Every structure is written in structure tokens, then in C-alpha cells.
């Protein structure tokens, strides 16, 4: 994902801002990291450049 996406995404649970934590970056592309809600603290992973913004209960169901 590109950092510019931070201007348009928000926490799907409470619509608050997200903080970006980068683990791996390739040029302008963020490959691995986390998006953390500034209000509720929920963590959304970024894997292979794709942010997973599913709510936690739906994320668990999709992984099963």
C-alpha cells in the first residue's frame, strides 16, 4: 500500500484515524506493517502490500 492511502482510510470499527507502523518498505510501497486505530487501539495488518481492514471477528472467520 502507499502511504498516501492514509488520507482516505479510517478504522472500520469507529471511523477514527489510523496510525501507520512500517516493518518493511520497498520504495514508495509499504509491504509489511500495521495500521493502529488512534481511538480503540484495534490493529489491522498490512501483508504483501495489502491492508486487511476487516473487523477482527470477520478477519478470524476468513482465516479459518
N, C-alpha and C. Protein backbone atom coordinates (compact mmCIF):
# COMPACT_ATOMS: atom_id res chain seq x y z
N UNK A 1 0.84 -1.18 0.00
CA UNK A 1 0.00 0.00 0.00
C UNK A 1 0.88 1.23 0.00
N UNK A 2 0.36 2.28 -0.49
CA UNK A 2 1.10 3.55 -0.49
C UNK A 2 0.68 4.39 0.71
N UNK A 3 1.63 5.14 1.24
CA UNK A 3 1.36 5.96 2.41
C UNK A 3 0.27 7.00 2.14
N UNK A 4 0.12 7.42 0.89
CA UNK A 4 -0.91 8.41 0.54
C UNK A 4 -2.31 7.88 0.81
N UNK A 5 -2.48 6.56 0.90
CA UNK A 5 -3.77 5.95 1.21
C UNK A 5 -4.25 6.35 2.61
N UNK A 6 -3.32 6.75 3.47
CA UNK A 6 -3.67 7.14 4.84
C UNK A 6 -4.62 8.34 4.87
N UNK A 7 -4.64 9.13 3.80
CA UNK A 7 -5.53 10.30 3.73
C UNK A 7 -6.99 9.91 3.59
N UNK A 8 -7.27 8.69 3.12
CA UNK A 8 -8.66 8.33 2.84
C UNK A 8 -9.19 7.14 3.64
N UNK A 9 -8.33 6.42 4.37
CA UNK A 9 -8.83 5.28 5.13
C UNK A 9 -8.98 5.64 6.60
N UNK A 10 -9.88 4.91 7.27
CA UNK A 10 -10.10 5.10 8.70
C UNK A 10 -10.45 3.75 9.32
N UNK A 11 -10.53 3.71 10.62
CA UNK A 11 -10.87 2.48 11.32
C UNK A 11 -12.29 2.07 10.95
N UNK A 12 -12.50 0.83 10.49
CA UNK A 12 -13.85 0.40 10.13
C UNK A 12 -14.76 0.22 11.34
N UNK A 13 -14.18 0.13 12.52
CA UNK A 13 -14.99 -0.06 13.73
C UNK A 13 -15.60 1.25 14.23
N UNK A 14 -14.78 2.31 14.30
CA UNK A 14 -15.28 3.56 14.90
C UNK A 14 -15.01 4.81 14.06
N UNK A 15 -14.46 4.62 12.86
CA UNK A 15 -14.22 5.70 11.89
C UNK A 15 -13.17 6.73 12.34
N UNK A 16 -12.33 6.38 13.30
CA UNK A 16 -11.25 7.28 13.73
C UNK A 16 -10.02 7.07 12.86
N UNK A 17 -9.04 7.95 13.04
CA UNK A 17 -7.80 7.89 12.27
C UNK A 17 -7.00 6.64 12.62
N UNK A 18 -6.12 6.25 11.69
CA UNK A 18 -5.23 5.13 11.89
C UNK A 18 -3.78 5.62 11.88
N UNK A 19 -2.96 5.06 12.77
CA UNK A 19 -1.52 5.31 12.76
C UNK A 19 -0.86 4.20 11.97
N UNK A 20 0.15 4.54 11.21
CA UNK A 20 0.87 3.60 10.37
C UNK A 20 2.17 3.19 11.04
N UNK A 21 2.39 1.87 11.18
CA UNK A 21 3.64 1.32 11.69
C UNK A 21 4.23 0.47 10.57
N UNK A 22 5.41 0.83 10.09
CA UNK A 22 6.02 0.17 8.94
C UNK A 22 7.09 -0.81 9.40
N UNK A 23 6.99 -2.06 8.93
CA UNK A 23 8.03 -3.07 9.18
C UNK A 23 8.93 -3.23 7.96
N UNK A 24 8.34 -3.19 6.76
CA UNK A 24 9.11 -3.37 5.53
C UNK A 24 8.55 -2.47 4.44
N UNK A 25 9.45 -1.78 3.76
CA UNK A 25 9.04 -0.86 2.71
C UNK A 25 9.91 -1.10 1.48
N UNK A 26 9.29 -1.03 0.29
CA UNK A 26 10.00 -1.19 -0.97
C UNK A 26 9.73 0.05 -1.81
N UNK A 27 10.64 1.02 -1.73
CA UNK A 27 10.42 2.29 -2.41
C UNK A 27 9.26 3.03 -1.75
N UNK A 28 8.23 3.37 -2.54
CA UNK A 28 7.04 4.05 -2.01
C UNK A 28 6.01 3.07 -1.47
N UNK A 29 6.22 1.79 -1.69
CA UNK A 29 5.22 0.77 -1.33
C UNK A 29 5.52 0.19 0.06
N UNK A 30 4.52 0.22 0.95
CA UNK A 30 4.64 -0.38 2.27
C UNK A 30 4.23 -1.84 2.13
N UNK A 31 5.17 -2.76 2.35
CA UNK A 31 4.92 -4.18 2.12
C UNK A 31 4.41 -4.89 3.37
N UNK A 32 4.96 -4.56 4.53
CA UNK A 32 4.56 -5.20 5.80
C UNK A 32 4.46 -4.13 6.87
N UNK A 33 3.47 -4.29 7.75
CA UNK A 33 3.31 -3.35 8.86
C UNK A 33 1.95 -3.49 9.49
N UNK A 34 1.52 -2.41 10.14
CA UNK A 34 0.26 -2.41 10.86
C UNK A 34 -0.38 -1.04 10.78
N UNK A 35 -1.69 -1.04 10.80
CA UNK A 35 -2.48 0.18 10.97
C UNK A 35 -3.14 0.06 12.33
N UNK A 36 -2.96 1.08 13.17
CA UNK A 36 -3.48 1.03 14.54
C UNK A 36 -4.44 2.19 14.74
N UNK A 37 -5.65 1.89 15.21
CA UNK A 37 -6.66 2.91 15.44
C UNK A 37 -6.23 3.80 16.60
N UNK A 38 -6.34 5.11 16.40
CA UNK A 38 -5.95 6.07 17.44
C UNK A 38 -6.95 6.09 18.60
N UNK A 39 -8.15 5.59 18.39
CA UNK A 39 -9.19 5.63 19.43
C UNK A 39 -9.34 4.29 20.14
N UNK A 40 -9.68 3.22 19.39
CA UNK A 40 -9.97 1.93 20.02
C UNK A 40 -8.74 1.03 20.14
N UNK A 41 -7.66 1.35 19.42
CA UNK A 41 -6.43 0.57 19.51
C UNK A 41 -6.42 -0.71 18.70
N UNK A 42 -7.47 -0.95 17.93
CA UNK A 42 -7.51 -2.16 17.09
C UNK A 42 -6.37 -2.12 16.07
N UNK A 43 -5.76 -3.28 15.81
CA UNK A 43 -4.63 -3.38 14.90
C UNK A 43 -5.07 -4.11 13.63
N UNK A 44 -4.74 -3.51 12.49
CA UNK A 44 -5.05 -4.08 11.17
C UNK A 44 -3.73 -4.35 10.46
N UNK A 45 -3.47 -5.60 10.10
CA UNK A 45 -2.18 -5.93 9.48
C UNK A 45 -2.07 -5.48 8.02
N UNK A 46 -0.85 -5.21 7.61
CA UNK A 46 -0.52 -4.97 6.20
C UNK A 46 0.39 -6.13 5.81
N UNK A 47 -0.05 -6.95 4.87
CA UNK A 47 0.72 -8.12 4.44
C UNK A 47 0.82 -8.10 2.93
N UNK A 48 2.03 -8.26 2.41
CA UNK A 48 2.27 -8.25 0.96
C UNK A 48 1.73 -6.98 0.31
N UNK A 49 1.80 -5.86 1.03
CA UNK A 49 1.37 -4.58 0.49
C UNK A 49 -0.13 -4.34 0.54
N UNK A 50 -0.89 -5.25 1.18
CA UNK A 50 -2.35 -5.14 1.21
C UNK A 50 -2.82 -4.96 2.65
N UNK A 51 -3.49 -3.83 2.96
CA UNK A 51 -4.04 -3.66 4.31
C UNK A 51 -5.30 -4.49 4.48
N UNK A 52 -5.39 -5.21 5.59
CA UNK A 52 -6.58 -6.02 5.90
C UNK A 52 -7.43 -5.22 6.88
N UNK A 53 -8.46 -4.55 6.36
CA UNK A 53 -9.30 -3.69 7.19
C UNK A 53 -10.60 -4.37 7.61
N UNK A 54 -10.62 -5.70 7.58
CA UNK A 54 -11.79 -6.41 8.08
C UNK A 54 -11.85 -6.25 9.59
N UNK A 55 -13.05 -6.12 10.16
CA UNK A 55 -13.18 -6.11 11.62
C UNK A 55 -12.62 -7.43 12.18
N UNK A 56 -12.14 -7.42 13.42
CA UNK A 56 -11.47 -8.59 13.99
C UNK A 56 -12.26 -9.89 13.88
N UNK A 57 -13.56 -9.86 14.16
CA UNK A 57 -14.34 -11.10 14.11
C UNK A 57 -14.43 -11.64 12.68
N UNK A 58 -14.53 -10.79 11.71
CA UNK A 58 -14.59 -11.22 10.31
C UNK A 58 -13.22 -11.69 9.83
N UNK A 59 -12.16 -11.10 10.34
CA UNK A 59 -10.80 -11.49 9.98
C UNK A 59 -10.52 -12.91 10.47
N UNK A 60 -11.00 -13.23 11.68
CA UNK A 60 -10.82 -14.58 12.24
C UNK A 60 -11.59 -15.61 11.42
N UNK A 61 -12.80 -15.27 11.00
CA UNK A 61 -13.61 -16.19 10.20
C UNK A 61 -12.97 -16.43 8.83
N UNK A 62 -12.39 -15.39 8.23
CA UNK A 62 -11.78 -15.51 6.90
C UNK A 62 -10.52 -16.37 6.96
N UNK A 63 -9.83 -16.36 8.08
CA UNK A 63 -8.61 -17.15 8.23
C UNK A 63 -8.91 -18.63 8.45
N UNK A 64 -10.10 -18.94 8.92
CA UNK A 64 -10.46 -20.34 9.23
C UNK A 64 -10.81 -21.13 7.99
